[in-house]
Amino acid sequence: MLASDLYGKEIITNSGNKLGYVEDMIFNMEEGSIDSLTLIKLSDLSKGENIGEKLRKNTVKYSRVKSVSESIIVGMEHLK
């Protein structure tokens, strides 16, 4: 699967809670892998205050993804 295939996919917890849609990604350039999926566009972060807090609340670590198909399934414990 290409990283570009993840854009717009819905992210759902393994208990069925809908978190939002993939708006952007953070890459680990040293490893050549996806580090995190974001529920907001990264370009929108520069338009306000509390950037770190907004990013923390709207980011899901990719290592926590359980499955990817029509949607992306993640565990609840991975959202903190």
N, C-alpha and C. Protein backbone atom coordinates (compact mmCIF):
# COMPACT_ATOMS: atom_id res chain seq x y z
N MET A 1 0.83 -1.18 0.00
CA MET A 1 0.00 0.00 0.00
C MET A 1 0.88 1.25 0.00
N LEU A 2 0.52 2.21 -0.80
CA LEU A 2 1.24 3.47 -0.83
C LEU A 2 0.74 4.39 0.28
N ALA A 3 1.61 5.23 0.78
CA ALA A 3 1.21 6.19 1.81
C ALA A 3 0.07 7.07 1.32
N SER A 4 0.09 7.42 0.05
CA SER A 4 -0.96 8.28 -0.49
C SER A 4 -2.33 7.62 -0.44
N ASP A 5 -2.38 6.29 -0.36
CA ASP A 5 -3.66 5.58 -0.25
C ASP A 5 -4.33 5.78 1.11
N LEU A 6 -3.59 6.26 2.10
CA LEU A 6 -4.14 6.45 3.44
C LEU A 6 -4.91 7.76 3.59
N TYR A 7 -4.61 8.74 2.77
CA TYR A 7 -5.30 10.04 2.87
C TYR A 7 -6.80 9.86 2.72
N GLY A 8 -7.54 10.46 3.64
CA GLY A 8 -9.00 10.42 3.58
C GLY A 8 -9.63 9.21 4.22
N LYS A 9 -8.84 8.22 4.62
CA LYS A 9 -9.41 7.03 5.27
C LYS A 9 -9.85 7.39 6.68
N GLU A 10 -10.96 6.80 7.10
CA GLU A 10 -11.47 7.02 8.44
C GLU A 10 -10.66 6.21 9.44
N ILE A 11 -10.36 6.81 10.59
CA ILE A 11 -9.65 6.13 11.66
C ILE A 11 -10.67 5.79 12.74
N ILE A 12 -10.72 4.49 13.11
CA ILE A 12 -11.68 3.99 14.08
C ILE A 12 -10.91 3.17 15.12
N THR A 13 -11.31 3.32 16.40
CA THR A 13 -10.68 2.51 17.44
C THR A 13 -11.19 1.07 17.34
N ASN A 14 -10.47 0.16 17.95
CA ASN A 14 -10.90 -1.23 17.91
C ASN A 14 -12.19 -1.46 18.70
N SER A 15 -12.65 -0.47 19.45
CA SER A 15 -13.94 -0.56 20.13
C SER A 15 -15.05 0.14 19.36
N GLY A 16 -14.72 0.66 18.16
CA GLY A 16 -15.74 1.23 17.29
C GLY A 16 -15.91 2.73 17.32
N ASN A 17 -15.11 3.44 18.11
CA ASN A 17 -15.21 4.91 18.15
C ASN A 17 -14.56 5.52 16.93
N LYS A 18 -15.27 6.42 16.27
CA LYS A 18 -14.73 7.11 15.10
C LYS A 18 -13.93 8.32 15.56
N LEU A 19 -12.68 8.40 15.10
CA LEU A 19 -11.80 9.49 15.51
C LEU A 19 -11.75 10.61 14.49
N GLY A 20 -11.88 10.28 13.23
CA GLY A 20 -11.77 11.28 12.17
C GLY A 20 -11.16 10.65 10.93
N TYR A 21 -10.63 11.49 10.07
CA TYR A 21 -10.07 11.05 8.80
C TYR A 21 -8.61 11.47 8.69
N VAL A 22 -7.83 10.68 7.98
CA VAL A 22 -6.42 11.01 7.77
C VAL A 22 -6.33 12.25 6.90
N GLU A 23 -5.80 13.31 7.47
CA GLU A 23 -5.62 14.57 6.74
C GLU A 23 -4.17 14.77 6.31
N ASP A 24 -3.25 14.19 7.10
CA ASP A 24 -1.83 14.38 6.81
C ASP A 24 -1.04 13.28 7.50
N MET A 25 0.25 13.24 7.26
CA MET A 25 1.12 12.24 7.87
C MET A 25 2.44 12.88 8.27
N ILE A 26 3.06 12.28 9.28
CA ILE A 26 4.39 12.66 9.70
C ILE A 26 5.29 11.47 9.38
N PHE A 27 6.37 11.73 8.66
CA PHE A 27 7.26 10.67 8.22
C PHE A 27 8.54 10.64 9.04
N ASN A 28 9.09 9.45 9.22
CA ASN A 28 10.42 9.28 9.80
C ASN A 28 11.35 9.15 8.61
N MET A 29 12.03 10.22 8.28
CA MET A 29 12.86 10.24 7.08
C MET A 29 14.09 9.34 7.20
N GLU A 30 14.59 9.13 8.40
CA GLU A 30 15.75 8.26 8.58
C GLU A 30 15.40 6.81 8.27
N GLU A 31 14.20 6.39 8.66
CA GLU A 31 13.79 5.00 8.43
C GLU A 31 12.98 4.83 7.14
N GLY A 32 12.55 5.95 6.56
CA GLY A 32 11.73 5.88 5.36
C GLY A 32 10.36 5.28 5.63
N SER A 33 9.77 5.64 6.77
CA SER A 33 8.48 5.08 7.15
C SER A 33 7.55 6.17 7.67
N ILE A 34 6.28 5.79 7.81
CA ILE A 34 5.29 6.70 8.38
C ILE A 34 5.43 6.64 9.90
N ASP A 35 5.52 7.78 10.54
CA ASP A 35 5.59 7.85 12.00
C ASP A 35 4.20 8.00 12.60
N SER A 36 3.41 8.93 12.04
CA SER A 36 2.09 9.22 12.60
C SER A 36 1.11 9.63 11.53
N LEU A 37 -0.17 9.40 11.83
CA LEU A 37 -1.26 9.90 11.00
C LEU A 37 -1.89 11.06 11.74
N THR A 38 -2.25 12.11 11.04
CA THR A 38 -2.87 13.25 11.71
C THR A 38 -4.30 13.43 11.23
N LEU A 39 -5.14 13.90 12.15
CA LEU A 39 -6.55 14.15 11.87
C LEU A 39 -6.78 15.58 11.41
N ILE A 40 -5.71 16.36 11.34
CA ILE A 40 -5.76 17.74 10.85
C ILE A 40 -4.62 17.94 9.87
N LYS A 41 -4.78 18.91 9.00
CA LYS A 41 -3.71 19.23 8.07
C LYS A 41 -2.58 19.93 8.82
N LEU A 42 -1.36 19.49 8.59
CA LEU A 42 -0.21 20.10 9.27
C LEU A 42 -0.08 21.57 8.91
N SER A 43 -0.46 21.95 7.72
CA SER A 43 -0.37 23.36 7.32
C SER A 43 -1.30 24.24 8.15
N ASP A 44 -2.36 23.68 8.70
CA ASP A 44 -3.29 24.44 9.54
C ASP A 44 -2.72 24.71 10.93
N LEU A 45 -1.72 23.94 11.36
CA LEU A 45 -1.13 24.13 12.68
C LEU A 45 -0.41 25.46 12.82
N SER A 46 0.12 25.97 11.74
CA SER A 46 0.87 27.22 11.80
C SER A 46 -0.03 28.44 11.92
N LYS A 47 -1.33 28.23 11.91
CA LYS A 47 -2.28 29.34 11.92
C LYS A 47 -2.83 29.68 13.29
N GLY A 48 -2.28 29.07 14.34
CA GLY A 48 -2.83 29.35 15.65
C GLY A 48 -1.86 29.06 16.77
N GLU A 49 -2.41 29.16 17.97
CA GLU A 49 -1.62 28.91 19.17
C GLU A 49 -1.76 27.45 19.60
N ASN A 50 -1.00 27.06 20.58
CA ASN A 50 -1.06 25.72 21.16
C ASN A 50 -0.82 24.63 20.11
N ILE A 51 0.16 24.83 19.28
CA ILE A 51 0.44 23.89 18.20
C ILE A 51 0.75 22.50 18.75
N GLY A 52 1.56 22.41 19.78
CA GLY A 52 1.92 21.12 20.36
C GLY A 52 0.71 20.38 20.90
N GLU A 53 -0.16 21.09 21.56
CA GLU A 53 -1.37 20.48 22.12
C GLU A 53 -2.31 20.01 21.02
N LYS A 54 -2.50 20.81 19.99
CA LYS A 54 -3.35 20.42 18.87
C LYS A 54 -2.79 19.19 18.17
N LEU A 55 -1.49 19.16 17.99
CA LEU A 55 -0.86 18.02 17.33
C LEU A 55 -1.00 16.76 18.18
N ARG A 56 -0.80 16.88 19.49
CA ARG A 56 -0.92 15.74 20.39
C ARG A 56 -2.33 15.15 20.36
N LYS A 57 -3.33 16.00 20.36
CA LYS A 57 -4.72 15.55 20.39
C LYS A 57 -5.19 14.99 19.04
N ASN A 58 -4.49 15.30 17.98
CA ASN A 58 -4.95 14.93 16.64
C ASN A 58 -3.96 14.05 15.89
N THR A 59 -3.19 13.26 16.63
CA THR A 59 -2.17 12.41 16.03
C THR A 59 -2.32 10.98 16.53
N VAL A 60 -2.18 10.03 15.63
CA VAL A 60 -2.19 8.61 15.97
C VAL A 60 -0.88 8.02 15.46
N LYS A 61 -0.09 7.41 16.36
CA LYS A 61 1.16 6.78 15.95
C LYS A 61 0.86 5.64 15.00
N TYR A 62 1.56 5.58 13.89
CA TYR A 62 1.31 4.55 12.89
C TYR A 62 1.68 3.16 13.40
N SER A 63 2.63 3.08 14.31
CA SER A 63 3.01 1.78 14.87
C SER A 63 1.86 1.15 15.64
N ARG A 64 0.85 1.92 15.96
CA ARG A 64 -0.31 1.43 16.72
C ARG A 64 -1.46 0.97 15.82
N VAL A 65 -1.31 1.14 14.52
CA VAL A 65 -2.36 0.73 13.58
C VAL A 65 -2.45 -0.79 13.58
N LYS A 66 -3.68 -1.29 13.74
CA LYS A 66 -3.93 -2.73 13.76
C LYS A 66 -4.23 -3.27 12.37
N SER A 67 -5.01 -2.52 11.59
CA SER A 67 -5.34 -2.96 10.23
C SER A 67 -5.75 -1.77 9.38
N VAL A 68 -5.58 -1.96 8.07
CA VAL A 68 -5.95 -0.94 7.10
C VAL A 68 -6.73 -1.63 5.99
N SER A 69 -7.95 -1.16 5.76
CA SER A 69 -8.74 -1.61 4.62
C SER A 69 -9.56 -0.41 4.16
N GLU A 70 -10.86 -0.49 4.24
CA GLU A 70 -11.69 0.68 3.93
C GLU A 70 -11.49 1.76 4.99
N SER A 71 -11.15 1.35 6.20
CA SER A 71 -10.85 2.27 7.29
C SER A 71 -9.57 1.78 7.98
N ILE A 72 -9.10 2.57 8.93
CA ILE A 72 -7.89 2.25 9.69
C ILE A 72 -8.31 1.97 11.13
N ILE A 73 -7.93 0.80 11.63
CA ILE A 73 -8.30 0.41 12.99
C ILE A 73 -7.10 0.59 13.92
N VAL A 74 -7.32 1.27 15.06
CA VAL A 74 -6.27 1.48 16.06
C VAL A 74 -6.81 1.11 17.44
N GLY A 75 -5.91 0.84 18.38
CA GLY A 75 -6.30 0.54 19.75
C GLY A 75 -6.52 1.81 20.55
N MET A 76 -7.47 1.80 21.48
CA MET A 76 -7.79 2.96 22.32
C MET A 76 -6.60 3.42 23.14
N GLU A 77 -5.83 2.49 23.65
CA GLU A 77 -4.70 2.84 24.52
C GLU A 77 -3.64 3.63 23.79
N HIS A 78 -3.74 3.71 22.49
CA HIS A 78 -2.69 4.34 21.68
C HIS A 78 -2.98 5.81 21.37
N LEU A 79 -4.02 6.36 21.94
CA LEU A 79 -4.42 7.72 21.58
C LEU A 79 -3.93 8.75 22.58
N LYS A 80 -3.18 8.35 23.57
CA LYS A 80 -2.71 9.29 24.59
C LYS A 80 -1.29 9.68 24.35
